[in-house]
Amino acid sequence: MPPQLVDLSHAVEDGMVTYRGLPAPVVCDYLSREASRARYAPGTEFHIGRIDMVANTGTYVDAPFHRFADGADLAGLPLESLAHLEGVVADRTARDGRATDADALRAALGGIDVRGRAVLVRTGWDAHWRTDRYFEGHPFLAADAAAWLAERGAALVGIDSYNIDDVDDGARPVHTTLLGAGIPIAEHLCGLGQLPARGFRFSAVPVKVRGMGTFPVRAWALLDR
């Protein structure tokens, strides 16, 4: 059987809100099919679309530049840090409270070594996508969990929630620790329940843009057979 691909991304749609307070994307025509007919031979038409959006839209990856002026931007991230990473899932859907601290994360991983791997934290919060509930009371990682992941050499950390940090904490310790260690962050993932705890490869590759630290991705997993 061919390898199984699992899509872990939300679709970007006109008018949707990813992060409360940031503008929604505007998806529209730059050149409509109808207008294009005057430019081409009879029976030939094309569509050229336009999208105006902030970088934090849909499922996206944060590079160190998002937090640190001297950190690697999107163009500076090597593909090896984003694509075909061996992945592990920490299932925190049965959590007690909003925060996942280091002890809870280690327990959820069941002793799996995270070094060089993409660690995906499954909270189930993606079930609230495109609802008001998504923006309130979201689950997040605690500061000591981020420190543990950085110390253990995780390659990438992702979560299916509104933010990997507690948005009430202006210091953003998880972003600070992970991005400071050069570890990309994937936020607003979805569908992590389709993945096993291990036995897959994870990819989340943004456009190679200089001078930006965040951009939407098509994130996916390739399941081992």
N, C-alpha and C. Protein backbone atom coordinates (compact mmCIF):
# COMPACT_ATOMS: atom_id res chain seq x y z
N MET A 1 0.83 -1.19 0.00
CA MET A 1 0.00 0.00 0.00
C MET A 1 0.87 1.24 0.00
N PRO A 2 0.42 2.32 -0.68
CA PRO A 2 1.21 3.56 -0.67
C PRO A 2 1.19 4.19 0.71
N PRO A 3 2.20 5.01 1.05
CA PRO A 3 2.20 5.70 2.34
C PRO A 3 0.96 6.58 2.50
N GLN A 4 0.48 6.71 3.72
CA GLN A 4 -0.72 7.49 3.98
C GLN A 4 -0.34 8.91 4.41
N LEU A 5 -0.90 9.89 3.71
CA LEU A 5 -0.70 11.29 4.04
C LEU A 5 -1.90 11.80 4.85
N VAL A 6 -1.62 12.52 5.92
CA VAL A 6 -2.67 13.07 6.77
C VAL A 6 -2.51 14.58 6.81
N ASP A 7 -3.54 15.30 6.37
CA ASP A 7 -3.51 16.77 6.37
C ASP A 7 -3.77 17.27 7.80
N LEU A 8 -2.90 18.15 8.28
CA LEU A 8 -2.99 18.67 9.64
C LEU A 8 -3.20 20.18 9.65
N SER A 9 -3.73 20.72 8.55
CA SER A 9 -3.85 22.17 8.38
C SER A 9 -5.31 22.60 8.27
N HIS A 10 -5.58 23.80 8.79
CA HIS A 10 -6.85 24.46 8.51
C HIS A 10 -6.78 25.14 7.15
N ALA A 11 -7.89 25.18 6.45
CA ALA A 11 -7.97 25.93 5.19
C ALA A 11 -8.03 27.42 5.49
N VAL A 12 -7.38 28.21 4.67
CA VAL A 12 -7.46 29.67 4.77
C VAL A 12 -8.64 30.13 3.92
N GLU A 13 -9.56 30.87 4.52
CA GLU A 13 -10.76 31.31 3.83
C GLU A 13 -10.96 32.81 4.00
N ASP A 14 -11.60 33.41 3.04
CA ASP A 14 -11.91 34.83 3.10
C ASP A 14 -12.73 35.14 4.35
N GLY A 15 -12.28 36.13 5.11
CA GLY A 15 -13.03 36.60 6.26
C GLY A 15 -12.86 35.84 7.55
N MET A 16 -12.09 34.75 7.55
CA MET A 16 -11.95 33.97 8.78
C MET A 16 -10.99 34.66 9.75
N VAL A 17 -11.20 34.46 11.04
CA VAL A 17 -10.34 35.03 12.07
C VAL A 17 -9.53 33.91 12.70
N THR A 18 -8.21 34.03 12.65
CA THR A 18 -7.33 33.05 13.28
C THR A 18 -6.98 33.47 14.69
N TYR A 19 -6.65 34.73 14.85
CA TYR A 19 -6.19 35.26 16.14
C TYR A 19 -6.98 36.54 16.41
N ARG A 20 -7.73 36.54 17.50
CA ARG A 20 -8.60 37.67 17.79
C ARG A 20 -7.79 38.97 17.90
N GLY A 21 -8.26 40.00 17.20
CA GLY A 21 -7.57 41.29 17.17
C GLY A 21 -6.76 41.51 15.92
N LEU A 22 -6.48 40.43 15.18
CA LEU A 22 -5.77 40.56 13.91
C LEU A 22 -6.78 40.48 12.76
N PRO A 23 -6.53 41.20 11.67
CA PRO A 23 -7.52 41.21 10.58
C PRO A 23 -7.63 39.87 9.87
N ALA A 24 -8.81 39.60 9.40
CA ALA A 24 -9.06 38.38 8.63
C ALA A 24 -8.49 38.53 7.22
N PRO A 25 -8.16 37.44 6.56
CA PRO A 25 -7.66 37.53 5.19
C PRO A 25 -8.77 37.95 4.22
N VAL A 26 -8.37 38.64 3.19
CA VAL A 26 -9.27 38.99 2.09
C VAL A 26 -8.81 38.20 0.87
N VAL A 27 -9.62 37.27 0.42
CA VAL A 27 -9.30 36.44 -0.74
C VAL A 27 -10.20 36.89 -1.87
N CYS A 28 -9.60 37.32 -2.97
CA CYS A 28 -10.39 37.91 -4.04
C CYS A 28 -9.69 37.69 -5.39
N ASP A 29 -10.30 38.22 -6.44
CA ASP A 29 -9.72 38.15 -7.78
C ASP A 29 -8.77 39.32 -7.99
N TYR A 30 -7.63 39.04 -8.57
CA TYR A 30 -6.83 40.10 -9.19
C TYR A 30 -7.25 40.19 -10.65
N LEU A 31 -7.37 39.03 -11.29
CA LEU A 31 -7.89 38.94 -12.65
C LEU A 31 -8.92 37.83 -12.67
N SER A 32 -10.17 38.17 -12.92
CA SER A 32 -11.22 37.16 -12.95
C SER A 32 -11.17 36.39 -14.27
N ARG A 33 -11.81 35.25 -14.29
CA ARG A 33 -11.87 34.46 -15.53
C ARG A 33 -12.58 35.24 -16.63
N GLU A 34 -13.65 35.94 -16.23
CA GLU A 34 -14.40 36.70 -17.22
C GLU A 34 -13.54 37.80 -17.83
N ALA A 35 -12.80 38.55 -16.99
CA ALA A 35 -11.96 39.63 -17.50
C ALA A 35 -10.79 39.11 -18.32
N SER A 36 -10.33 37.90 -18.00
CA SER A 36 -9.17 37.36 -18.71
C SER A 36 -9.47 36.99 -20.16
N ARG A 37 -10.74 36.77 -20.47
CA ARG A 37 -11.08 36.31 -21.82
C ARG A 37 -10.68 37.30 -22.90
N ALA A 38 -10.63 38.60 -22.53
CA ALA A 38 -10.23 39.62 -23.51
C ALA A 38 -8.74 39.56 -23.82
N ARG A 39 -7.95 38.86 -23.01
CA ARG A 39 -6.50 38.83 -23.16
C ARG A 39 -6.00 37.62 -23.94
N TYR A 40 -6.87 36.60 -24.09
CA TYR A 40 -6.42 35.33 -24.65
C TYR A 40 -7.27 34.95 -25.85
N ALA A 41 -6.87 33.88 -26.47
CA ALA A 41 -7.60 33.38 -27.63
C ALA A 41 -8.99 32.91 -27.21
N PRO A 42 -9.93 32.90 -28.14
CA PRO A 42 -11.28 32.43 -27.82
C PRO A 42 -11.26 31.05 -27.16
N GLY A 43 -12.01 30.91 -26.10
CA GLY A 43 -12.07 29.64 -25.38
C GLY A 43 -11.00 29.46 -24.32
N THR A 44 -10.10 30.45 -24.19
CA THR A 44 -9.01 30.35 -23.21
C THR A 44 -9.22 31.39 -22.12
N GLU A 45 -9.16 30.95 -20.88
CA GLU A 45 -9.31 31.88 -19.76
C GLU A 45 -8.45 31.42 -18.59
N PHE A 46 -8.08 32.37 -17.74
CA PHE A 46 -7.28 32.08 -16.56
C PHE A 46 -7.82 32.87 -15.37
N HIS A 47 -7.47 32.41 -14.20
CA HIS A 47 -7.78 33.14 -12.98
C HIS A 47 -6.49 33.47 -12.25
N ILE A 48 -6.31 34.72 -11.86
CA ILE A 48 -5.19 35.12 -11.01
C ILE A 48 -5.80 35.67 -9.72
N GLY A 49 -5.53 35.00 -8.63
CA GLY A 49 -6.11 35.39 -7.35
C GLY A 49 -5.22 36.35 -6.59
N ARG A 50 -5.82 36.96 -5.58
CA ARG A 50 -5.10 37.85 -4.70
C ARG A 50 -5.53 37.56 -3.27
N ILE A 51 -4.57 37.61 -2.35
CA ILE A 51 -4.88 37.44 -0.94
C ILE A 51 -4.13 38.49 -0.14
N ASP A 52 -4.85 39.21 0.68
CA ASP A 52 -4.26 40.19 1.60
C ASP A 52 -4.47 39.66 3.01
N MET A 53 -3.37 39.46 3.75
CA MET A 53 -3.50 38.87 5.08
C MET A 53 -2.29 39.19 5.92
N VAL A 54 -2.47 39.09 7.23
CA VAL A 54 -1.34 39.12 8.13
C VAL A 54 -0.70 37.73 8.13
N ALA A 55 0.55 37.66 8.59
CA ALA A 55 1.28 36.40 8.53
C ALA A 55 0.68 35.34 9.44
N ASN A 56 0.08 35.76 10.56
CA ASN A 56 -0.49 34.80 11.52
C ASN A 56 -1.91 34.44 11.10
N THR A 57 -2.01 33.66 10.06
CA THR A 57 -3.29 33.27 9.48
C THR A 57 -3.31 31.77 9.26
N GLY A 58 -4.39 31.12 9.69
CA GLY A 58 -4.53 29.69 9.48
C GLY A 58 -3.53 28.92 10.33
N THR A 59 -3.10 27.79 9.81
CA THR A 59 -2.05 27.00 10.43
C THR A 59 -0.72 27.58 9.99
N TYR A 60 0.14 27.96 10.93
CA TYR A 60 1.38 28.64 10.54
C TYR A 60 2.56 28.19 11.39
N VAL A 61 3.74 28.53 10.89
CA VAL A 61 4.99 28.26 11.59
C VAL A 61 5.63 29.57 12.00
N ASP A 62 6.14 29.60 13.23
CA ASP A 62 6.93 30.72 13.72
C ASP A 62 8.42 30.36 13.62
N ALA A 63 9.19 31.25 13.03
CA ALA A 63 10.65 31.15 13.01
C ALA A 63 11.20 32.02 14.13
N PRO A 64 12.46 31.85 14.51
CA PRO A 64 13.04 32.67 15.59
C PRO A 64 12.88 34.17 15.38
N PHE A 65 12.88 34.65 14.13
CA PHE A 65 12.73 36.08 13.85
C PHE A 65 11.41 36.64 14.37
N HIS A 66 10.42 35.79 14.52
CA HIS A 66 9.13 36.22 15.05
C HIS A 66 9.28 36.83 16.44
N ARG A 67 10.23 36.31 17.20
CA ARG A 67 10.44 36.77 18.58
C ARG A 67 11.72 37.60 18.74
N PHE A 68 12.74 37.28 17.93
CA PHE A 68 14.06 37.89 18.11
C PHE A 68 14.52 38.56 16.82
N ALA A 69 14.90 39.83 16.91
CA ALA A 69 15.30 40.60 15.73
C ALA A 69 16.49 39.98 15.01
N ASP A 70 17.36 39.29 15.74
CA ASP A 70 18.54 38.69 15.12
C ASP A 70 18.37 37.19 14.87
N GLY A 71 17.14 36.70 15.03
CA GLY A 71 16.89 35.28 14.81
C GLY A 71 16.68 34.96 13.34
N ALA A 72 16.76 33.69 13.01
CA ALA A 72 16.56 33.25 11.62
C ALA A 72 15.14 33.56 11.17
N ASP A 73 15.03 34.13 9.97
CA ASP A 73 13.70 34.37 9.40
C ASP A 73 13.24 33.14 8.63
N LEU A 74 12.10 33.25 7.97
CA LEU A 74 11.57 32.10 7.24
C LEU A 74 12.54 31.59 6.19
N ALA A 75 13.20 32.52 5.49
CA ALA A 75 14.15 32.11 4.46
C ALA A 75 15.40 31.48 5.07
N GLY A 76 15.66 31.79 6.34
CA GLY A 76 16.84 31.26 6.99
C GLY A 76 16.65 29.91 7.65
N LEU A 77 15.40 29.42 7.70
CA LEU A 77 15.16 28.10 8.28
C LEU A 77 15.55 27.02 7.29
N PRO A 78 16.42 26.10 7.66
CA PRO A 78 16.74 25.00 6.75
C PRO A 78 15.55 24.07 6.59
N LEU A 79 15.41 23.48 5.42
CA LEU A 79 14.31 22.54 5.20
C LEU A 79 14.34 21.40 6.20
N GLU A 80 15.53 21.03 6.63
CA GLU A 80 15.66 19.93 7.58
C GLU A 80 14.98 20.22 8.91
N SER A 81 14.72 21.49 9.20
CA SER A 81 14.05 21.85 10.45
C SER A 81 12.53 21.86 10.31
N LEU A 82 12.03 21.66 9.10
CA LEU A 82 10.60 21.80 8.82
C LEU A 82 9.97 20.60 8.12
N ALA A 83 10.76 19.82 7.43
CA ALA A 83 10.22 18.80 6.55
C ALA A 83 10.76 17.41 6.85
N HIS A 84 9.88 16.44 6.77
CA HIS A 84 10.21 15.01 6.91
C HIS A 84 10.87 14.72 8.25
N LEU A 85 10.40 15.40 9.28
CA LEU A 85 10.90 15.15 10.64
C LEU A 85 10.19 13.94 11.24
N GLU A 86 10.93 13.11 11.92
CA GLU A 86 10.29 12.05 12.67
C GLU A 86 9.42 12.70 13.75
N GLY A 87 8.16 12.28 13.84
CA GLY A 87 7.23 12.95 14.72
C GLY A 87 6.76 12.09 15.87
N VAL A 88 6.38 12.75 16.97
CA VAL A 88 5.76 12.09 18.11
C VAL A 88 4.59 12.95 18.57
N VAL A 89 3.55 12.31 19.08
CA VAL A 89 2.38 13.02 19.59
C VAL A 89 2.30 12.85 21.10
N ALA A 90 2.12 13.98 21.79
CA ALA A 90 1.83 13.98 23.22
C ALA A 90 0.35 14.24 23.38
N ASP A 91 -0.41 13.24 23.75
CA ASP A 91 -1.86 13.37 23.85
C ASP A 91 -2.24 13.98 25.19
N ARG A 92 -2.76 15.22 25.12
CA ARG A 92 -3.18 15.94 26.33
C ARG A 92 -4.67 16.26 26.30
N THR A 93 -5.42 15.43 25.60
CA THR A 93 -6.86 15.67 25.51
C THR A 93 -7.55 15.41 26.85
N ALA A 94 -6.96 14.58 27.70
CA ALA A 94 -7.55 14.27 29.00
C ALA A 94 -6.88 15.06 30.12
N ARG A 95 -6.36 16.25 29.78
CA ARG A 95 -5.62 17.05 30.74
C ARG A 95 -6.52 17.54 31.88
N ASP A 96 -5.88 17.84 33.00
CA ASP A 96 -6.56 18.45 34.15
C ASP A 96 -6.08 19.89 34.21
N GLY A 97 -6.87 20.80 33.68
CA GLY A 97 -6.47 22.20 33.60
C GLY A 97 -5.96 22.56 32.22
N ARG A 98 -5.59 23.81 32.05
CA ARG A 98 -5.20 24.34 30.74
C ARG A 98 -3.74 24.10 30.42
N ALA A 99 -2.88 24.14 31.42
CA ALA A 99 -1.44 24.11 31.19
C ALA A 99 -0.91 22.68 31.13
N THR A 100 0.03 22.46 30.23
CA THR A 100 0.80 21.21 30.20
C THR A 100 2.20 21.53 30.68
N ASP A 101 2.53 21.08 31.90
CA ASP A 101 3.86 21.35 32.42
C ASP A 101 4.81 20.22 32.03
N ALA A 102 6.05 20.31 32.47
CA ALA A 102 7.06 19.34 32.05
C ALA A 102 6.69 17.92 32.48
N ASP A 103 6.21 17.76 33.70
CA ASP A 103 5.85 16.42 34.18
C ASP A 103 4.72 15.83 33.35
N ALA A 104 3.70 16.65 33.06
CA ALA A 104 2.58 16.16 32.27
C ALA A 104 3.01 15.83 30.84
N LEU A 105 3.91 16.63 30.31
CA LEU A 105 4.39 16.37 28.95
C LEU A 105 5.19 15.08 28.89
N ARG A 106 6.07 14.88 29.86
CA ARG A 106 6.86 13.65 29.89
C ARG A 106 5.94 12.43 30.02
N ALA A 107 4.93 12.55 30.85
CA ALA A 107 3.99 11.43 31.02
C ALA A 107 3.23 11.15 29.72
N ALA A 108 2.82 12.20 29.03
CA ALA A 108 2.08 12.03 27.78
C ALA A 108 2.95 11.40 26.70
N LEU A 109 4.23 11.67 26.74
CA LEU A 109 5.15 11.11 25.74
C LEU A 109 5.55 9.68 26.06
N GLY A 110 5.33 9.25 27.30
CA GLY A 110 5.59 7.87 27.65
C GLY A 110 7.03 7.44 27.49
N GLY A 111 7.95 8.35 27.75
CA GLY A 111 9.36 7.98 27.69
C GLY A 111 9.98 8.08 26.30
N ILE A 112 9.25 8.55 25.32
CA ILE A 112 9.80 8.69 23.97
C ILE A 112 10.86 9.79 23.96
N ASP A 113 11.98 9.52 23.34
CA ASP A 113 13.04 10.51 23.20
C ASP A 113 12.62 11.55 22.16
N VAL A 114 12.68 12.82 22.51
CA VAL A 114 12.23 13.87 21.59
C VAL A 114 13.37 14.46 20.77
N ARG A 115 14.60 14.07 21.01
CA ARG A 115 15.73 14.68 20.32
C ARG A 115 15.61 14.52 18.81
N GLY A 116 15.69 15.64 18.08
CA GLY A 116 15.63 15.62 16.63
C GLY A 116 14.25 15.34 16.07
N ARG A 117 13.23 15.35 16.90
CA ARG A 117 11.88 15.02 16.47
C ARG A 117 10.94 16.23 16.55
N ALA A 118 9.88 16.16 15.78
CA ALA A 118 8.78 17.12 15.90
C ALA A 118 7.84 16.62 16.98
N VAL A 119 7.64 17.44 18.00
CA VAL A 119 6.77 17.06 19.11
C VAL A 119 5.44 17.80 18.92
N LEU A 120 4.37 17.06 18.70
CA LEU A 120 3.05 17.64 18.44
C LEU A 120 2.16 17.40 19.65
N VAL A 121 1.70 18.48 20.25
CA VAL A 121 0.88 18.39 21.46
C VAL A 121 -0.59 18.41 21.05
N ARG A 122 -1.25 17.31 21.29
CA ARG A 122 -2.67 17.18 20.93
C ARG A 122 -3.52 17.55 22.13
N THR A 123 -4.30 18.63 21.98
CA THR A 123 -5.21 19.07 23.05
C THR A 123 -6.68 18.88 22.68
N GLY A 124 -6.95 18.71 21.39
CA GLY A 124 -8.33 18.61 20.92
C GLY A 124 -9.01 19.95 20.74
N TRP A 125 -8.26 21.06 20.98
CA TRP A 125 -8.86 22.39 20.89
C TRP A 125 -9.26 22.75 19.46
N ASP A 126 -8.73 22.07 18.48
CA ASP A 126 -9.09 22.35 17.09
C ASP A 126 -10.57 22.09 16.82
N ALA A 127 -11.23 21.36 17.71
CA ALA A 127 -12.67 21.13 17.56
C ALA A 127 -13.45 22.44 17.65
N HIS A 128 -12.84 23.48 18.24
CA HIS A 128 -13.53 24.77 18.40
C HIS A 128 -13.17 25.78 17.32
N TRP A 129 -12.41 25.36 16.32
CA TRP A 129 -11.99 26.25 15.23
C TRP A 129 -13.20 26.93 14.60
N ARG A 130 -13.07 28.23 14.34
CA ARG A 130 -14.11 29.07 13.74
C ARG A 130 -15.31 29.26 14.67
N THR A 131 -15.09 29.13 15.97
CA THR A 131 -16.12 29.45 16.95
C THR A 131 -15.52 30.42 17.97
N ASP A 132 -16.38 31.12 18.72
CA ASP A 132 -15.91 32.03 19.76
C ASP A 132 -15.15 31.30 20.85
N ARG A 133 -15.51 30.05 21.09
CA ARG A 133 -14.84 29.27 22.14
C ARG A 133 -13.34 29.12 21.87
N TYR A 134 -12.96 29.10 20.62
CA TYR A 134 -11.56 28.88 20.26
C TYR A 134 -10.65 29.92 20.90
N PHE A 135 -11.16 31.14 21.10
CA PHE A 135 -10.33 32.24 21.58
C PHE A 135 -10.27 32.35 23.11
N GLU A 136 -11.06 31.57 23.80
CA GLU A 136 -11.16 31.73 25.25
C GLU A 136 -10.76 30.44 25.97
N GLY A 137 -9.87 30.57 26.95
CA GLY A 137 -9.54 29.44 27.82
C GLY A 137 -8.81 28.32 27.13
N HIS A 138 -7.96 28.65 26.16
CA HIS A 138 -7.28 27.62 25.37
C HIS A 138 -6.19 26.93 26.19
N PRO A 139 -5.88 25.67 25.87
CA PRO A 139 -4.76 24.97 26.49
C PRO A 139 -3.42 25.44 25.92
N PHE A 140 -2.36 25.30 26.72
CA PHE A 140 -1.05 25.81 26.32
C PHE A 140 0.04 25.03 27.04
N LEU A 141 1.29 25.25 26.64
CA LEU A 141 2.43 24.67 27.34
C LEU A 141 2.90 25.61 28.44
N ALA A 142 3.34 25.03 29.55
CA ALA A 142 3.94 25.80 30.62
C ALA A 142 5.41 26.08 30.30
N ALA A 143 5.97 27.06 30.97
CA ALA A 143 7.35 27.46 30.72
C ALA A 143 8.32 26.31 30.93
N ASP A 144 8.10 25.48 31.96
CA ASP A 144 9.06 24.40 32.22
C ASP A 144 8.97 23.30 31.17
N ALA A 145 7.82 23.14 30.53
CA ALA A 145 7.71 22.18 29.44
C ALA A 145 8.54 22.63 28.24
N ALA A 146 8.49 23.93 27.94
CA ALA A 146 9.32 24.46 26.84
C ALA A 146 10.79 24.30 27.16
N ALA A 147 11.18 24.58 28.40
CA ALA A 147 12.59 24.43 28.78
C ALA A 147 13.03 22.98 28.65
N TRP A 148 12.17 22.05 29.04
CA TRP A 148 12.50 20.62 28.92
C TRP A 148 12.66 20.22 27.46
N LEU A 149 11.77 20.68 26.59
CA LEU A 149 11.87 20.36 25.16
C LEU A 149 13.15 20.92 24.55
N ALA A 150 13.50 22.14 24.93
CA ALA A 150 14.73 22.74 24.41
C ALA A 150 15.95 21.99 24.91
N GLU A 151 15.96 21.64 26.17
CA GLU A 151 17.10 20.91 26.74
C GLU A 151 17.25 19.54 26.11
N ARG A 152 16.14 18.92 25.75
CA ARG A 152 16.19 17.57 25.17
C ARG A 152 16.37 17.58 23.66
N GLY A 153 16.44 18.75 23.06
CA GLY A 153 16.78 18.84 21.64
C GLY A 153 15.67 18.56 20.67
N ALA A 154 14.42 18.91 21.02
CA ALA A 154 13.33 18.78 20.05
C ALA A 154 13.63 19.61 18.82
N ALA A 155 13.22 19.12 17.66
CA ALA A 155 13.50 19.83 16.40
C ALA A 155 12.44 20.87 16.07
N LEU A 156 11.20 20.58 16.44
CA LEU A 156 10.05 21.46 16.17
C LEU A 156 9.00 21.11 17.20
N VAL A 157 8.20 22.09 17.60
CA VAL A 157 7.10 21.84 18.54
C VAL A 157 5.83 22.43 17.96
N GLY A 158 4.76 21.64 17.96
CA GLY A 158 3.48 22.10 17.43
C GLY A 158 2.36 21.84 18.40
N ILE A 159 1.26 22.56 18.21
CA ILE A 159 0.09 22.41 19.06
C ILE A 159 -1.17 22.71 18.24
N ASP A 160 -2.27 22.06 18.60
CA ASP A 160 -3.55 22.25 17.89
C ASP A 160 -4.44 23.24 18.63
N SER A 161 -3.84 24.29 19.18
CA SER A 161 -4.54 25.25 20.01
C SER A 161 -4.35 26.66 19.49
N TYR A 162 -5.00 27.59 20.17
CA TYR A 162 -4.98 29.00 19.80
C TYR A 162 -3.60 29.63 19.93
N ASN A 163 -2.83 29.18 20.91
CA ASN A 163 -1.48 29.68 21.10
C ASN A 163 -0.73 28.68 21.95
N ILE A 164 0.54 28.50 21.69
CA ILE A 164 1.35 27.57 22.48
C ILE A 164 1.65 28.15 23.86
N ASP A 165 1.52 29.49 24.00
CA ASP A 165 1.68 30.19 25.27
C ASP A 165 0.31 30.54 25.85
N ASP A 166 0.30 30.82 27.13
CA ASP A 166 -0.86 31.44 27.76
C ASP A 166 -0.90 32.90 27.30
N VAL A 167 -1.94 33.30 26.58
CA VAL A 167 -1.97 34.65 26.02
C VAL A 167 -2.12 35.73 27.09
N ASP A 168 -2.43 35.33 28.32
CA ASP A 168 -2.49 36.30 29.42
C ASP A 168 -1.11 36.61 29.99
N ASP A 169 -0.11 35.87 29.56
CA ASP A 169 1.26 36.09 30.01
C ASP A 169 2.02 36.83 28.92
N GLY A 170 2.20 38.13 29.12
CA GLY A 170 2.85 38.95 28.10
C GLY A 170 4.31 38.62 27.85
N ALA A 171 4.94 37.85 28.74
CA ALA A 171 6.34 37.47 28.54
C ALA A 171 6.49 36.38 27.49
N ARG A 172 5.40 35.66 27.20
CA ARG A 172 5.42 34.58 26.21
C ARG A 172 6.64 33.66 26.42
N PRO A 173 6.72 32.97 27.55
CA PRO A 173 7.91 32.17 27.87
C PRO A 173 8.16 31.00 26.93
N VAL A 174 7.11 30.40 26.38
CA VAL A 174 7.31 29.25 25.50
C VAL A 174 7.89 29.70 24.17
N HIS A 175 7.32 30.74 23.58
CA HIS A 175 7.92 31.29 22.36
C HIS A 175 9.37 31.72 22.61
N THR A 176 9.59 32.38 23.74
CA THR A 176 10.92 32.89 24.05
C THR A 176 11.93 31.75 24.16
N THR A 177 11.58 30.69 24.86
CA THR A 177 12.49 29.58 25.06
C THR A 177 12.73 28.79 23.79
N LEU A 178 11.65 28.40 23.12
CA LEU A 178 11.80 27.55 21.93
C LEU A 178 12.46 28.31 20.78
N LEU A 179 11.94 29.49 20.46
CA LEU A 179 12.52 30.25 19.35
C LEU A 179 13.93 30.71 19.69
N GLY A 180 14.19 30.98 20.96
CA GLY A 180 15.54 31.33 21.37
C GLY A 180 16.53 30.19 21.18
N ALA A 181 16.02 28.96 21.21
CA ALA A 181 16.85 27.78 20.97
C ALA A 181 16.87 27.37 19.51
N GLY A 182 16.21 28.18 18.65
CA GLY A 182 16.19 27.87 17.22
C GLY A 182 15.20 26.81 16.83
N ILE A 183 14.20 26.57 17.69
CA ILE A 183 13.20 25.52 17.45
C ILE A 183 11.94 26.14 16.87
N PRO A 184 11.57 25.85 15.62
CA PRO A 184 10.34 26.41 15.05
C PRO A 184 9.11 25.92 15.81
N ILE A 185 8.06 26.74 15.77
CA ILE A 185 6.80 26.43 16.43
C ILE A 185 5.69 26.39 15.38
N ALA A 186 4.87 25.36 15.41
CA ALA A 186 3.68 25.27 14.55
C ALA A 186 2.44 25.42 15.43
N GLU A 187 1.59 26.39 15.08
CA GLU A 187 0.38 26.64 15.85
C GLU A 187 -0.86 26.46 14.98
N HIS A 188 -1.99 26.23 15.65
CA HIS A 188 -3.28 26.03 14.97
C HIS A 188 -3.25 24.78 14.07
N LEU A 189 -2.58 23.75 14.53
CA LEU A 189 -2.67 22.48 13.83
C LEU A 189 -4.06 21.89 14.02
N CYS A 190 -4.38 20.86 13.26
CA CYS A 190 -5.66 20.18 13.43
C CYS A 190 -5.50 18.72 13.04
N GLY A 191 -6.44 17.91 13.48
CA GLY A 191 -6.45 16.51 13.07
C GLY A 191 -5.39 15.64 13.70
N LEU A 192 -4.81 16.04 14.81
CA LEU A 192 -3.75 15.24 15.41
C LEU A 192 -4.27 13.90 15.94
N GLY A 193 -5.56 13.81 16.14
CA GLY A 193 -6.14 12.55 16.57
C GLY A 193 -6.04 11.44 15.54
N GLN A 194 -5.70 11.78 14.31
CA GLN A 194 -5.54 10.78 13.26
C GLN A 194 -4.16 10.13 13.29
N LEU A 195 -3.28 10.66 14.15
CA LEU A 195 -1.89 10.18 14.16
C LEU A 195 -1.64 9.21 15.30
N PRO A 196 -0.73 8.27 15.09
CA PRO A 196 -0.27 7.43 16.20
C PRO A 196 0.69 8.22 17.08
N ALA A 197 1.04 7.68 18.23
CA ALA A 197 1.98 8.35 19.12
C ALA A 197 3.35 8.52 18.46
N ARG A 198 3.69 7.59 17.61
CA ARG A 198 4.93 7.69 16.83
C ARG A 198 4.74 6.85 15.57
N GLY A 199 5.76 6.90 14.69
CA GLY A 199 5.64 6.14 13.45
C GLY A 199 5.14 6.97 12.29
N PHE A 200 5.54 8.26 12.26
CA PHE A 200 5.17 9.12 11.15
C PHE A 200 6.23 10.19 10.96
N ARG A 201 6.20 10.82 9.80
CA ARG A 201 7.07 11.95 9.48
C ARG A 201 6.21 13.20 9.34
N PHE A 202 6.67 14.29 9.91
CA PHE A 202 5.91 15.53 9.93
C PHE A 202 6.58 16.59 9.09
N SER A 203 5.77 17.36 8.35
CA SER A 203 6.27 18.47 7.54
C SER A 203 5.33 19.67 7.68
N ALA A 204 5.92 20.86 7.77
CA ALA A 204 5.15 22.12 7.82
C ALA A 204 6.04 23.20 7.23
N VAL A 205 5.92 23.42 5.93
CA VAL A 205 6.88 24.25 5.21
C VAL A 205 6.22 25.54 4.72
N PRO A 206 6.68 26.69 5.21
CA PRO A 206 6.14 27.97 4.73
C PRO A 206 6.86 28.44 3.47
N VAL A 207 6.36 29.50 2.88
CA VAL A 207 7.03 30.15 1.77
C VAL A 207 8.35 30.73 2.27
N LYS A 208 9.36 30.71 1.41
CA LYS A 208 10.72 31.15 1.77
C LYS A 208 10.80 32.67 1.66
N VAL A 209 10.34 33.37 2.72
CA VAL A 209 10.25 34.82 2.71
C VAL A 209 11.34 35.41 3.60
N ARG A 210 12.06 36.39 3.07
CA ARG A 210 13.07 37.08 3.88
C ARG A 210 12.39 38.20 4.69
N GLY A 211 12.89 38.40 5.91
CA GLY A 211 12.39 39.49 6.73
C GLY A 211 11.05 39.24 7.37
N MET A 212 10.62 37.97 7.43
CA MET A 212 9.37 37.61 8.12
C MET A 212 9.63 36.41 9.00
N GLY A 213 8.90 36.35 10.12
CA GLY A 213 9.10 35.26 11.06
C GLY A 213 7.94 34.31 11.19
N THR A 214 6.85 34.57 10.48
CA THR A 214 5.67 33.72 10.56
C THR A 214 5.01 33.66 9.19
N PHE A 215 4.47 32.49 8.83
CA PHE A 215 3.71 32.38 7.58
C PHE A 215 2.88 31.10 7.61
N PRO A 216 1.71 31.11 6.95
CA PRO A 216 0.90 29.89 6.87
C PRO A 216 1.65 28.75 6.20
N VAL A 217 1.26 27.53 6.58
CA VAL A 217 1.87 26.32 6.04
C VAL A 217 0.77 25.34 5.65
N ARG A 218 1.13 24.40 4.81
CA ARG A 218 0.34 23.16 4.63
C ARG A 218 1.08 22.11 5.44
N ALA A 219 0.58 21.78 6.60
CA ALA A 219 1.23 20.80 7.47
C ALA A 219 0.64 19.44 7.20
N TRP A 220 1.50 18.42 7.21
CA TRP A 220 1.00 17.08 6.97
C TRP A 220 1.91 16.05 7.65
N ALA A 221 1.37 14.86 7.80
CA ALA A 221 2.13 13.73 8.32
C ALA A 221 2.12 12.61 7.30
N LEU A 222 3.24 11.93 7.19
CA LEU A 222 3.39 10.75 6.36
C LEU A 222 3.51 9.55 7.29
N LEU A 223 2.49 8.72 7.31
CA LEU A 223 2.48 7.59 8.22
C LEU A 223 3.35 6.45 7.71
N ASP A 224 4.09 5.84 8.62
CA ASP A 224 4.90 4.68 8.27
C ASP A 224 4.00 3.50 7.99
N ARG A 225 4.45 2.61 7.14
CA ARG A 225 3.71 1.39 6.83
C ARG A 225 4.48 0.19 7.35
